[in-house]
Amino acid sequence: MGRRALRKPDPSLDISRHYRELRELGEDWRAADWFPRGTAPLEVEMGSGKGLFLRRATRALPEHNFIGLEIAGRYARFAAAQLARAASNNGLVIHGDGLRFFQLWLPDRSVRAVHVYFPDPWWKQRHRKRRVMNEAFLADVERTLEPGGQLHFWTDVEEYFRDTLELIAARTGLQGPLAVEQLPADHDLDYRTHFERRKRLLGLPVYRSQFVQGERGA
């Protein structure tokens, strides 16, 4: 099943409330200052792609704020346009290096949930160091999750899944992995991401895990 070409967002659509460039964020930028309900629980997605998760999550949990981090500019703008079209004022897409955003703009114990769905597996051995689920990122996940906060990690690559679970167990105090049930889809876009939809329609396995921050945190 081939990937469809990405549609260009309507140029007349104002995405200014749903899109930011990481390079333009000031040192004092705070997520709480951006959203109408600044004190609402914050959830962060690393690698938002076309933004299906953000679009559905902002609608399902209007009492939470969501930030999607996306390094590909055209995908970031597409996802932001989806939020703008849905008037989801509790969603924001930031275009840039998500690892840097975690390091510099997310305070300790400030995030209710971190979502990482189908990250690039970087198949070649010499490229494995580029995988987002690495020790430095997981340290930032543990640092930024509030007590009881959750890390959601899904992939279609079993080797990546097993290696990451071993790394989390060895290098963090996060509790898990907890089993995540695969639910039947009620409609054509009833999936966590477009990538999950594609894999499940092809009958391919998806490996899911969830971890929880302990009450004492990192």
N, C-alpha and C. Protein backbone atom coordinates (compact mmCIF):
# COMPACT_ATOMS: atom_id res chain seq x y z
N MET A 1 0.85 -1.19 0.00
CA MET A 1 0.00 0.00 0.00
C MET A 1 0.88 1.23 0.00
N GLY A 2 0.89 1.99 -1.11
CA GLY A 2 1.76 3.15 -1.22
C GLY A 2 1.27 4.32 -0.39
N ARG A 3 2.18 5.21 -0.07
CA ARG A 3 1.84 6.40 0.69
C ARG A 3 1.33 7.47 -0.24
N ARG A 4 0.19 8.03 0.06
CA ARG A 4 -0.38 9.08 -0.76
C ARG A 4 0.45 10.37 -0.62
N ALA A 5 0.47 11.15 -1.70
CA ALA A 5 1.17 12.44 -1.66
C ALA A 5 0.49 13.34 -0.64
N LEU A 6 1.28 14.13 0.06
CA LEU A 6 0.76 15.02 1.09
C LEU A 6 0.10 16.22 0.42
N ARG A 7 -1.14 16.47 0.77
CA ARG A 7 -1.83 17.64 0.22
C ARG A 7 -1.24 18.92 0.80
N LYS A 8 -1.20 19.95 -0.01
CA LYS A 8 -0.76 21.24 0.48
C LYS A 8 -1.88 21.90 1.27
N PRO A 9 -1.57 22.46 2.45
CA PRO A 9 -2.62 23.14 3.23
C PRO A 9 -3.18 24.33 2.46
N ASP A 10 -4.42 24.65 2.71
CA ASP A 10 -5.06 25.82 2.12
C ASP A 10 -4.28 27.07 2.52
N PRO A 11 -3.71 27.81 1.56
CA PRO A 11 -2.89 28.97 1.92
C PRO A 11 -3.67 30.07 2.64
N SER A 12 -5.00 30.05 2.51
CA SER A 12 -5.80 31.06 3.20
C SER A 12 -6.09 30.69 4.65
N LEU A 13 -5.73 29.47 5.05
CA LEU A 13 -5.99 29.01 6.41
C LEU A 13 -4.96 29.59 7.36
N ASP A 14 -5.41 30.23 8.42
CA ASP A 14 -4.52 30.82 9.41
C ASP A 14 -4.09 29.75 10.41
N ILE A 15 -2.80 29.38 10.38
CA ILE A 15 -2.31 28.36 11.30
C ILE A 15 -1.44 28.96 12.41
N SER A 16 -1.48 30.27 12.55
CA SER A 16 -0.57 30.95 13.48
C SER A 16 -0.78 30.54 14.93
N ARG A 17 -1.98 30.09 15.29
CA ARG A 17 -2.23 29.64 16.66
C ARG A 17 -1.88 28.17 16.85
N HIS A 18 -1.50 27.50 15.77
CA HIS A 18 -1.27 26.06 15.85
C HIS A 18 0.10 25.64 15.34
N TYR A 19 0.94 26.60 15.00
CA TYR A 19 2.24 26.27 14.39
C TYR A 19 3.31 27.23 14.88
N ARG A 20 4.46 26.66 15.26
CA ARG A 20 5.61 27.47 15.65
C ARG A 20 6.87 26.81 15.11
N GLU A 21 7.86 27.65 14.85
CA GLU A 21 9.20 27.18 14.47
C GLU A 21 10.05 27.13 15.74
N LEU A 22 10.70 25.99 15.97
CA LEU A 22 11.53 25.87 17.16
C LEU A 22 12.60 26.95 17.21
N ARG A 23 13.18 27.28 16.06
CA ARG A 23 14.25 28.27 16.02
C ARG A 23 13.79 29.65 16.42
N GLU A 24 12.49 29.89 16.41
CA GLU A 24 11.94 31.19 16.76
C GLU A 24 11.51 31.29 18.23
N LEU A 25 11.58 30.18 18.95
CA LEU A 25 11.18 30.22 20.36
C LEU A 25 12.24 30.94 21.17
N GLY A 26 11.81 31.87 21.98
CA GLY A 26 12.74 32.53 22.89
C GLY A 26 13.09 31.64 24.06
N GLU A 27 14.16 31.99 24.75
CA GLU A 27 14.60 31.17 25.89
C GLU A 27 13.55 31.12 26.99
N ASP A 28 12.69 32.14 27.05
CA ASP A 28 11.68 32.20 28.11
C ASP A 28 10.32 31.68 27.65
N TRP A 29 10.27 31.04 26.45
CA TRP A 29 8.99 30.51 25.96
C TRP A 29 8.49 29.42 26.88
N ARG A 30 7.20 29.50 27.22
CA ARG A 30 6.58 28.51 28.10
C ARG A 30 5.30 28.01 27.47
N ALA A 31 5.10 26.70 27.50
CA ALA A 31 3.87 26.13 26.93
C ALA A 31 2.64 26.69 27.63
N ALA A 32 2.73 26.89 28.93
CA ALA A 32 1.57 27.37 29.69
C ALA A 32 1.10 28.74 29.22
N ASP A 33 2.02 29.54 28.64
CA ASP A 33 1.64 30.87 28.17
C ASP A 33 0.99 30.83 26.79
N TRP A 34 1.10 29.72 26.10
CA TRP A 34 0.62 29.63 24.72
C TRP A 34 -0.85 29.27 24.63
N PHE A 35 -1.31 28.39 25.50
CA PHE A 35 -2.66 27.85 25.41
C PHE A 35 -3.66 28.67 26.22
N PRO A 36 -4.91 28.73 25.76
CA PRO A 36 -5.94 29.44 26.53
C PRO A 36 -6.07 28.91 27.95
N ARG A 37 -5.96 27.58 28.10
CA ARG A 37 -6.00 26.97 29.44
C ARG A 37 -4.57 26.53 29.76
N GLY A 38 -3.76 27.49 30.15
CA GLY A 38 -2.33 27.24 30.32
C GLY A 38 -1.98 26.26 31.41
N THR A 39 -2.85 26.12 32.40
CA THR A 39 -2.56 25.22 33.52
C THR A 39 -3.06 23.80 33.28
N ALA A 40 -3.66 23.55 32.12
CA ALA A 40 -4.17 22.21 31.82
C ALA A 40 -3.02 21.22 31.70
N PRO A 41 -3.26 19.94 31.96
CA PRO A 41 -2.21 18.92 31.78
C PRO A 41 -1.66 18.95 30.35
N LEU A 42 -0.35 18.78 30.23
CA LEU A 42 0.31 18.85 28.93
C LEU A 42 0.74 17.46 28.47
N GLU A 43 0.43 17.14 27.21
CA GLU A 43 0.90 15.91 26.59
C GLU A 43 1.73 16.27 25.36
N VAL A 44 2.81 15.52 25.12
CA VAL A 44 3.74 15.84 24.04
C VAL A 44 3.93 14.61 23.15
N GLU A 45 3.80 14.84 21.84
CA GLU A 45 4.05 13.77 20.87
C GLU A 45 5.36 14.04 20.15
N MET A 46 6.26 13.08 20.15
CA MET A 46 7.52 13.18 19.44
C MET A 46 7.36 12.57 18.04
N GLY A 47 7.37 13.42 17.01
CA GLY A 47 7.21 12.94 15.64
C GLY A 47 5.75 12.83 15.27
N SER A 48 5.12 13.94 14.92
CA SER A 48 3.66 13.96 14.73
C SER A 48 3.22 13.55 13.34
N GLY A 49 4.13 13.54 12.36
CA GLY A 49 3.72 13.14 11.01
C GLY A 49 2.57 13.98 10.50
N LYS A 50 1.53 13.32 9.98
CA LYS A 50 0.37 14.03 9.42
C LYS A 50 -0.57 14.56 10.50
N GLY A 51 -0.33 14.21 11.74
CA GLY A 51 -1.09 14.81 12.83
C GLY A 51 -2.39 14.12 13.20
N LEU A 52 -2.58 12.86 12.79
CA LEU A 52 -3.83 12.18 13.13
C LEU A 52 -4.00 12.05 14.64
N PHE A 53 -2.92 11.66 15.34
CA PHE A 53 -3.04 11.53 16.79
C PHE A 53 -3.43 12.87 17.42
N LEU A 54 -2.76 13.94 17.04
CA LEU A 54 -3.07 15.25 17.61
C LEU A 54 -4.50 15.66 17.34
N ARG A 55 -4.94 15.44 16.12
CA ARG A 55 -6.30 15.85 15.75
C ARG A 55 -7.35 15.12 16.58
N ARG A 56 -7.14 13.82 16.78
CA ARG A 56 -8.12 13.05 17.54
C ARG A 56 -7.99 13.30 19.04
N ALA A 57 -6.75 13.42 19.53
CA ALA A 57 -6.54 13.59 20.97
C ALA A 57 -7.03 14.94 21.46
N THR A 58 -6.81 16.00 20.68
CA THR A 58 -7.26 17.32 21.12
C THR A 58 -8.78 17.38 21.19
N ARG A 59 -9.43 16.63 20.30
CA ARG A 59 -10.89 16.58 20.33
C ARG A 59 -11.40 15.72 21.49
N ALA A 60 -10.72 14.60 21.72
CA ALA A 60 -11.16 13.67 22.76
C ALA A 60 -10.89 14.20 24.17
N LEU A 61 -9.81 14.98 24.33
CA LEU A 61 -9.42 15.50 25.64
C LEU A 61 -9.26 17.01 25.58
N PRO A 62 -10.35 17.75 25.46
CA PRO A 62 -10.26 19.20 25.37
C PRO A 62 -9.73 19.84 26.65
N GLU A 63 -9.73 19.08 27.74
CA GLU A 63 -9.23 19.61 29.01
C GLU A 63 -7.72 19.44 29.13
N HIS A 64 -7.06 18.86 28.13
CA HIS A 64 -5.60 18.74 28.09
C HIS A 64 -5.05 19.60 26.97
N ASN A 65 -3.78 20.00 27.10
CA ASN A 65 -3.05 20.67 26.03
C ASN A 65 -2.10 19.67 25.37
N PHE A 66 -1.90 19.83 24.06
CA PHE A 66 -1.06 18.90 23.30
C PHE A 66 -0.05 19.67 22.45
N ILE A 67 1.21 19.21 22.50
CA ILE A 67 2.25 19.73 21.62
C ILE A 67 2.76 18.57 20.77
N GLY A 68 2.80 18.78 19.46
CA GLY A 68 3.39 17.81 18.54
C GLY A 68 4.70 18.35 18.02
N LEU A 69 5.74 17.54 18.06
CA LEU A 69 7.06 17.91 17.59
C LEU A 69 7.35 17.19 16.29
N GLU A 70 7.67 17.93 15.24
CA GLU A 70 7.87 17.33 13.93
C GLU A 70 9.04 18.02 13.21
N ILE A 71 10.01 17.22 12.79
CA ILE A 71 11.22 17.78 12.18
C ILE A 71 11.04 18.09 10.70
N ALA A 72 10.07 17.47 10.04
CA ALA A 72 9.82 17.72 8.61
C ALA A 72 8.84 18.87 8.47
N GLY A 73 9.27 19.95 7.83
CA GLY A 73 8.47 21.15 7.77
C GLY A 73 7.11 20.98 7.12
N ARG A 74 7.05 20.26 6.00
CA ARG A 74 5.77 20.13 5.31
C ARG A 74 4.78 19.30 6.11
N TYR A 75 5.28 18.32 6.85
CA TYR A 75 4.38 17.54 7.70
C TYR A 75 3.93 18.37 8.90
N ALA A 76 4.83 19.16 9.46
CA ALA A 76 4.46 20.01 10.59
C ALA A 76 3.37 21.00 10.19
N ARG A 77 3.51 21.62 9.03
CA ARG A 77 2.49 22.58 8.58
C ARG A 77 1.17 21.88 8.25
N PHE A 78 1.26 20.68 7.68
CA PHE A 78 0.05 19.92 7.39
C PHE A 78 -0.70 19.59 8.68
N ALA A 79 0.03 19.10 9.69
CA ALA A 79 -0.60 18.75 10.96
C ALA A 79 -1.20 19.98 11.63
N ALA A 80 -0.50 21.11 11.56
CA ALA A 80 -1.01 22.34 12.15
C ALA A 80 -2.28 22.79 11.44
N ALA A 81 -2.32 22.63 10.13
CA ALA A 81 -3.51 22.99 9.37
C ALA A 81 -4.71 22.15 9.78
N GLN A 82 -4.46 20.87 10.08
CA GLN A 82 -5.56 20.00 10.54
C GLN A 82 -6.12 20.51 11.87
N LEU A 83 -5.24 20.95 12.76
CA LEU A 83 -5.69 21.49 14.04
C LEU A 83 -6.46 22.78 13.84
N ALA A 84 -5.95 23.64 12.96
CA ALA A 84 -6.61 24.92 12.71
C ALA A 84 -7.99 24.70 12.12
N ARG A 85 -8.09 23.78 11.18
CA ARG A 85 -9.38 23.50 10.53
C ARG A 85 -10.40 22.98 11.56
N ALA A 86 -9.91 22.23 12.53
CA ALA A 86 -10.80 21.69 13.56
C ALA A 86 -10.99 22.65 14.73
N ALA A 87 -10.34 23.83 14.67
CA ALA A 87 -10.41 24.82 15.74
C ALA A 87 -10.01 24.22 17.08
N SER A 88 -8.97 23.39 17.05
CA SER A 88 -8.47 22.75 18.27
C SER A 88 -7.44 23.67 18.93
N ASN A 89 -7.92 24.57 19.75
CA ASN A 89 -7.03 25.55 20.36
C ASN A 89 -6.19 24.98 21.50
N ASN A 90 -6.36 23.70 21.77
CA ASN A 90 -5.51 23.03 22.76
C ASN A 90 -4.40 22.21 22.10
N GLY A 91 -4.14 22.48 20.82
CA GLY A 91 -3.09 21.76 20.09
C GLY A 91 -2.12 22.70 19.40
N LEU A 92 -0.85 22.35 19.42
CA LEU A 92 0.21 23.14 18.80
C LEU A 92 1.23 22.19 18.17
N VAL A 93 1.68 22.50 16.95
CA VAL A 93 2.74 21.75 16.30
C VAL A 93 3.99 22.63 16.25
N ILE A 94 5.11 22.09 16.70
CA ILE A 94 6.38 22.81 16.65
C ILE A 94 7.29 22.12 15.66
N HIS A 95 7.77 22.88 14.69
CA HIS A 95 8.66 22.34 13.65
C HIS A 95 10.10 22.52 14.11
N GLY A 96 10.81 21.41 14.26
CA GLY A 96 12.20 21.47 14.66
C GLY A 96 12.63 20.21 15.38
N ASP A 97 13.79 20.26 15.97
CA ASP A 97 14.40 19.13 16.67
C ASP A 97 13.69 18.90 18.00
N GLY A 98 12.91 17.83 18.06
CA GLY A 98 12.17 17.53 19.27
C GLY A 98 13.06 17.24 20.46
N LEU A 99 14.22 16.64 20.23
CA LEU A 99 15.14 16.35 21.32
C LEU A 99 15.59 17.65 21.99
N ARG A 100 15.86 18.66 21.17
CA ARG A 100 16.28 19.96 21.71
C ARG A 100 15.14 20.62 22.48
N PHE A 101 13.91 20.47 21.99
CA PHE A 101 12.77 21.04 22.69
C PHE A 101 12.65 20.43 24.08
N PHE A 102 12.78 19.11 24.17
CA PHE A 102 12.71 18.46 25.48
C PHE A 102 13.80 18.99 26.40
N GLN A 103 15.00 19.15 25.88
CA GLN A 103 16.13 19.57 26.70
C GLN A 103 15.98 20.99 27.22
N LEU A 104 15.47 21.89 26.39
CA LEU A 104 15.54 23.32 26.70
C LEU A 104 14.22 23.96 27.12
N TRP A 105 13.09 23.38 26.72
CA TRP A 105 11.83 24.08 26.97
C TRP A 105 10.83 23.32 27.84
N LEU A 106 11.17 22.14 28.27
CA LEU A 106 10.24 21.40 29.12
C LEU A 106 10.81 21.28 30.53
N PRO A 107 10.19 21.93 31.51
CA PRO A 107 10.68 21.84 32.88
C PRO A 107 10.48 20.46 33.48
N ASP A 108 11.13 20.21 34.59
CA ASP A 108 10.97 18.96 35.31
C ASP A 108 9.51 18.77 35.70
N ARG A 109 9.04 17.55 35.60
CA ARG A 109 7.71 17.15 36.07
C ARG A 109 6.60 18.05 35.53
N SER A 110 6.67 18.37 34.25
CA SER A 110 5.70 19.28 33.64
C SER A 110 4.79 18.62 32.62
N VAL A 111 4.98 17.32 32.36
CA VAL A 111 4.28 16.65 31.26
C VAL A 111 3.45 15.48 31.79
N ARG A 112 2.20 15.41 31.38
CA ARG A 112 1.33 14.31 31.79
C ARG A 112 1.60 13.04 30.99
N ALA A 113 1.92 13.18 29.70
CA ALA A 113 2.17 12.00 28.88
C ALA A 113 3.09 12.36 27.72
N VAL A 114 3.95 11.41 27.35
CA VAL A 114 4.81 11.51 26.17
C VAL A 114 4.40 10.39 25.23
N HIS A 115 4.20 10.74 23.95
CA HIS A 115 3.75 9.78 22.94
C HIS A 115 4.81 9.66 21.86
N VAL A 116 5.26 8.43 21.61
CA VAL A 116 6.22 8.16 20.53
C VAL A 116 5.66 7.01 19.71
N TYR A 117 5.17 7.33 18.51
CA TYR A 117 4.52 6.33 17.68
C TYR A 117 5.28 6.14 16.37
N PHE A 118 5.74 4.93 16.15
CA PHE A 118 6.39 4.52 14.90
C PHE A 118 7.56 5.44 14.50
N PRO A 119 8.52 5.62 15.39
CA PRO A 119 9.68 6.43 15.02
C PRO A 119 10.53 5.73 13.97
N ASP A 120 11.31 6.49 13.24
CA ASP A 120 12.19 5.94 12.20
C ASP A 120 13.11 4.90 12.83
N PRO A 121 13.11 3.65 12.32
CA PRO A 121 13.95 2.61 12.93
C PRO A 121 15.42 2.71 12.56
N TRP A 122 15.77 3.53 11.57
CA TRP A 122 17.17 3.65 11.15
C TRP A 122 17.80 2.25 11.04
N TRP A 123 17.43 1.56 9.96
CA TRP A 123 17.74 0.15 9.82
C TRP A 123 19.23 -0.17 9.83
N LYS A 124 20.05 0.64 9.18
CA LYS A 124 21.47 0.30 9.08
C LYS A 124 22.16 0.42 10.44
N GLN A 125 23.04 -0.51 10.73
CA GLN A 125 23.71 -0.56 12.03
C GLN A 125 24.43 0.75 12.34
N ARG A 126 25.07 1.34 11.33
CA ARG A 126 25.83 2.57 11.59
C ARG A 126 24.94 3.78 11.84
N HIS A 127 23.63 3.63 11.56
CA HIS A 127 22.70 4.72 11.78
C HIS A 127 21.89 4.57 13.06
N ARG A 128 22.08 3.47 13.79
CA ARG A 128 21.26 3.20 14.98
C ARG A 128 21.35 4.33 16.02
N LYS A 129 22.47 5.03 16.05
CA LYS A 129 22.65 6.10 17.03
C LYS A 129 21.67 7.26 16.79
N ARG A 130 21.03 7.28 15.61
CA ARG A 130 20.07 8.34 15.30
C ARG A 130 18.68 8.03 15.83
N ARG A 131 18.46 6.85 16.35
CA ARG A 131 17.14 6.51 16.85
C ARG A 131 16.74 7.45 17.99
N VAL A 132 15.48 7.87 17.94
CA VAL A 132 15.01 8.82 18.95
C VAL A 132 14.91 8.17 20.33
N MET A 133 14.61 6.88 20.37
CA MET A 133 14.50 6.21 21.67
C MET A 133 15.90 5.81 22.14
N ASN A 134 16.64 6.83 22.55
CA ASN A 134 18.01 6.61 23.03
C ASN A 134 18.10 7.02 24.49
N GLU A 135 19.26 6.80 25.08
CA GLU A 135 19.41 7.03 26.52
C GLU A 135 19.18 8.48 26.91
N ALA A 136 19.68 9.42 26.10
CA ALA A 136 19.54 10.84 26.44
C ALA A 136 18.07 11.27 26.39
N PHE A 137 17.35 10.84 25.35
CA PHE A 137 15.94 11.21 25.26
C PHE A 137 15.14 10.59 26.40
N LEU A 138 15.40 9.33 26.70
CA LEU A 138 14.65 8.68 27.78
C LEU A 138 14.92 9.34 29.13
N ALA A 139 16.14 9.86 29.31
CA ALA A 139 16.43 10.60 30.54
C ALA A 139 15.58 11.85 30.61
N ASP A 140 15.38 12.53 29.47
CA ASP A 140 14.53 13.72 29.45
C ASP A 140 13.06 13.36 29.64
N VAL A 141 12.64 12.23 29.09
CA VAL A 141 11.27 11.78 29.31
C VAL A 141 11.04 11.56 30.81
N GLU A 142 11.95 10.86 31.44
CA GLU A 142 11.80 10.58 32.87
C GLU A 142 11.85 11.88 33.68
N ARG A 143 12.69 12.80 33.29
CA ARG A 143 12.81 14.08 34.00
C ARG A 143 11.55 14.92 33.88
N THR A 144 10.94 14.93 32.70
CA THR A 144 9.81 15.83 32.46
C THR A 144 8.46 15.25 32.85
N LEU A 145 8.34 13.93 32.94
CA LEU A 145 7.06 13.34 33.32
C LEU A 145 6.73 13.64 34.77
N GLU A 146 5.50 14.05 35.01
CA GLU A 146 5.05 14.25 36.38
C GLU A 146 4.79 12.89 37.03
N PRO A 147 4.73 12.80 38.35
CA PRO A 147 4.41 11.53 38.99
C PRO A 147 3.08 10.98 38.45
N GLY A 148 3.10 9.72 38.06
CA GLY A 148 1.92 9.13 37.46
C GLY A 148 1.81 9.36 35.97
N GLY A 149 2.73 10.17 35.41
CA GLY A 149 2.71 10.44 33.98
C GLY A 149 3.09 9.21 33.18
N GLN A 150 2.76 9.21 31.89
CA GLN A 150 2.89 8.00 31.07
C GLN A 150 3.76 8.24 29.83
N LEU A 151 4.50 7.21 29.47
CA LEU A 151 5.20 7.14 28.19
C LEU A 151 4.54 6.07 27.34
N HIS A 152 4.12 6.44 26.13
CA HIS A 152 3.51 5.50 25.19
C HIS A 152 4.48 5.31 24.03
N PHE A 153 4.88 4.09 23.78
CA PHE A 153 5.81 3.79 22.70
C PHE A 153 5.27 2.65 21.86
N TRP A 154 5.02 2.93 20.57
CA TRP A 154 4.55 1.91 19.63
C TRP A 154 5.48 1.88 18.43
N THR A 155 5.67 0.71 17.86
CA THR A 155 6.47 0.55 16.65
C THR A 155 6.02 -0.71 15.93
N ASP A 156 6.36 -0.79 14.64
CA ASP A 156 6.09 -2.01 13.89
C ASP A 156 7.36 -2.84 13.73
N VAL A 157 8.46 -2.42 14.38
CA VAL A 157 9.75 -3.11 14.26
C VAL A 157 10.04 -3.83 15.57
N GLU A 158 9.92 -5.15 15.57
CA GLU A 158 10.06 -5.91 16.81
C GLU A 158 11.43 -5.72 17.45
N GLU A 159 12.49 -5.71 16.64
CA GLU A 159 13.85 -5.55 17.19
C GLU A 159 13.99 -4.21 17.90
N TYR A 160 13.47 -3.14 17.30
CA TYR A 160 13.50 -1.80 17.92
C TYR A 160 12.71 -1.82 19.22
N PHE A 161 11.57 -2.48 19.19
CA PHE A 161 10.71 -2.57 20.38
C PHE A 161 11.44 -3.26 21.53
N ARG A 162 12.04 -4.42 21.25
CA ARG A 162 12.73 -5.18 22.30
C ARG A 162 13.93 -4.41 22.84
N ASP A 163 14.72 -3.83 21.95
CA ASP A 163 15.89 -3.06 22.38
C ASP A 163 15.49 -1.88 23.25
N THR A 164 14.40 -1.21 22.88
CA THR A 164 13.97 -0.04 23.64
C THR A 164 13.45 -0.44 25.01
N LEU A 165 12.70 -1.52 25.09
CA LEU A 165 12.22 -1.98 26.39
C LEU A 165 13.38 -2.33 27.31
N GLU A 166 14.41 -2.96 26.76
CA GLU A 166 15.59 -3.28 27.55
C GLU A 166 16.30 -2.02 28.03
N LEU A 167 16.38 -1.02 27.16
CA LEU A 167 17.03 0.24 27.51
C LEU A 167 16.26 0.97 28.61
N ILE A 168 14.95 1.00 28.50
CA ILE A 168 14.12 1.65 29.52
C ILE A 168 14.29 0.96 30.87
N ALA A 169 14.31 -0.36 30.85
CA ALA A 169 14.47 -1.11 32.09
C ALA A 169 15.83 -0.87 32.72
N ALA A 170 16.87 -0.75 31.87
CA ALA A 170 18.23 -0.62 32.38
C ALA A 170 18.58 0.79 32.82
N ARG A 171 18.00 1.80 32.17
CA ARG A 171 18.45 3.18 32.35
C ARG A 171 17.45 4.12 32.99
N THR A 172 16.22 3.66 33.23
CA THR A 172 15.23 4.54 33.84
C THR A 172 14.54 3.82 35.00
N GLY A 173 13.78 4.60 35.76
CA GLY A 173 12.98 4.02 36.82
C GLY A 173 11.52 3.93 36.46
N LEU A 174 11.20 4.10 35.18
CA LEU A 174 9.81 4.03 34.74
C LEU A 174 9.25 2.64 34.97
N GLN A 175 8.00 2.57 35.37
CA GLN A 175 7.35 1.31 35.68
C GLN A 175 6.67 0.75 34.43
N GLY A 176 6.94 -0.51 34.12
CA GLY A 176 6.37 -1.11 32.94
C GLY A 176 7.35 -2.12 32.34
N PRO A 177 7.08 -2.60 31.15
CA PRO A 177 5.99 -2.16 30.26
C PRO A 177 4.64 -2.73 30.64
N LEU A 178 3.61 -1.92 30.48
CA LEU A 178 2.25 -2.35 30.68
C LEU A 178 1.66 -2.74 29.32
N ALA A 179 0.84 -3.76 29.33
CA ALA A 179 0.23 -4.23 28.09
C ALA A 179 -0.76 -3.20 27.57
N VAL A 180 -0.82 -3.07 26.26
CA VAL A 180 -1.76 -2.16 25.60
C VAL A 180 -2.59 -2.98 24.62
N GLU A 181 -3.87 -3.00 24.83
CA GLU A 181 -4.77 -3.80 24.00
C GLU A 181 -4.94 -3.18 22.61
N GLN A 182 -4.96 -4.01 21.58
CA GLN A 182 -5.28 -3.54 20.23
C GLN A 182 -6.79 -3.59 20.06
N LEU A 183 -7.41 -2.43 19.91
CA LEU A 183 -8.85 -2.34 19.80
C LEU A 183 -9.28 -2.33 18.35
N PRO A 184 -10.45 -2.86 18.06
CA PRO A 184 -10.94 -2.80 16.68
C PRO A 184 -11.27 -1.36 16.30
N ALA A 185 -11.08 -1.03 15.03
CA ALA A 185 -11.37 0.32 14.55
C ALA A 185 -12.87 0.45 14.25
N ASP A 186 -13.47 1.54 14.74
CA ASP A 186 -14.89 1.78 14.50
C ASP A 186 -15.15 2.46 13.16
N HIS A 187 -14.13 3.12 12.61
CA HIS A 187 -14.28 3.80 11.32
C HIS A 187 -12.90 3.88 10.67
N ASP A 188 -12.84 4.44 9.48
CA ASP A 188 -11.63 4.38 8.67
C ASP A 188 -10.44 5.11 9.28
N LEU A 189 -10.68 6.10 10.12
CA LEU A 189 -9.58 6.82 10.74
C LEU A 189 -9.54 6.62 12.25
N ASP A 190 -10.10 5.50 12.70
CA ASP A 190 -10.09 5.19 14.13
C ASP A 190 -8.80 4.44 14.50
N TYR A 191 -7.68 5.15 14.30
CA TYR A 191 -6.36 4.60 14.61
C TYR A 191 -5.54 5.68 15.30
N ARG A 192 -4.49 5.27 16.01
CA ARG A 192 -3.67 6.24 16.73
C ARG A 192 -2.93 7.16 15.75
N THR A 193 -2.41 6.58 14.65
CA THR A 193 -1.72 7.36 13.62
C THR A 193 -2.04 6.78 12.25
N HIS A 194 -1.71 7.54 11.19
CA HIS A 194 -1.87 7.01 9.84
C HIS A 194 -0.99 5.79 9.63
N PHE A 195 0.17 5.77 10.27
CA PHE A 195 1.07 4.64 10.11
C PHE A 195 0.45 3.38 10.71
N GLU A 196 -0.18 3.51 11.87
CA GLU A 196 -0.86 2.35 12.45
C GLU A 196 -1.97 1.86 11.52
N ARG A 197 -2.72 2.79 10.97
CA ARG A 197 -3.79 2.40 10.05
C ARG A 197 -3.24 1.57 8.90
N ARG A 198 -2.16 2.04 8.30
CA ARG A 198 -1.58 1.36 7.15
C ARG A 198 -1.14 -0.05 7.52
N LYS A 199 -0.45 -0.20 8.65
CA LYS A 199 0.06 -1.50 9.07
C LYS A 199 -1.07 -2.47 9.38
N ARG A 200 -2.10 -1.99 10.05
CA ARG A 200 -3.18 -2.89 10.43
C ARG A 200 -4.03 -3.30 9.24
N LEU A 201 -4.20 -2.39 8.27
CA LEU A 201 -4.95 -2.76 7.07
C LEU A 201 -4.19 -3.81 6.26
N LEU A 202 -2.88 -3.82 6.39
CA LEU A 202 -2.05 -4.83 5.72
C LEU A 202 -1.93 -6.11 6.54
N GLY A 203 -2.49 -6.11 7.75
CA GLY A 203 -2.41 -7.29 8.60
C GLY A 203 -1.06 -7.48 9.26
N LEU A 204 -0.28 -6.41 9.38
CA LEU A 204 1.06 -6.50 9.97
C LEU A 204 1.00 -6.19 11.46
N PRO A 205 1.92 -6.75 12.25
CA PRO A 205 1.88 -6.55 13.70
C PRO A 205 2.32 -5.15 14.11
N VAL A 206 1.75 -4.70 15.21
CA VAL A 206 2.14 -3.45 15.85
C VAL A 206 2.49 -3.78 17.29
N TYR A 207 3.66 -3.32 17.75
CA TYR A 207 4.13 -3.59 19.10
C TYR A 207 3.89 -2.35 19.95
N ARG A 208 3.13 -2.53 21.04
CA ARG A 208 2.69 -1.40 21.87
C ARG A 208 3.19 -1.56 23.29
N SER A 209 3.54 -0.44 23.91
CA SER A 209 3.92 -0.48 25.32
C SER A 209 3.56 0.83 25.99
N GLN A 210 3.41 0.76 27.29
CA GLN A 210 3.11 1.93 28.11
C GLN A 210 3.92 1.83 29.39
N PHE A 211 4.48 2.96 29.81
CA PHE A 211 5.25 3.04 31.04
C PHE A 211 4.70 4.16 31.90
N VAL A 212 4.91 4.04 33.22
CA VAL A 212 4.37 5.02 34.15
C VAL A 212 5.48 5.54 35.06
N GLN A 213 5.47 6.84 35.28
CA GLN A 213 6.39 7.48 36.20
C GLN A 213 5.99 7.18 37.64
N GLY A 214 6.92 6.79 38.47
CA GLY A 214 6.62 6.53 39.88
C GLY A 214 6.24 7.80 40.62
N GLU A 215 5.69 7.67 41.77
CA GLU A 215 5.21 8.82 42.54
C GLU A 215 6.34 9.78 42.91
N ARG A 216 7.55 9.28 43.06
CA ARG A 216 8.67 10.15 43.40
C ARG A 216 9.27 10.80 42.17
N GLY A 217 9.00 10.25 40.98
CA GLY A 217 9.54 10.83 39.76
C GLY A 217 11.03 10.58 39.62
N ALA A 218 11.61 11.27 38.63
CA ALA A 218 13.04 11.07 38.35
C ALA A 218 13.91 11.68 39.42
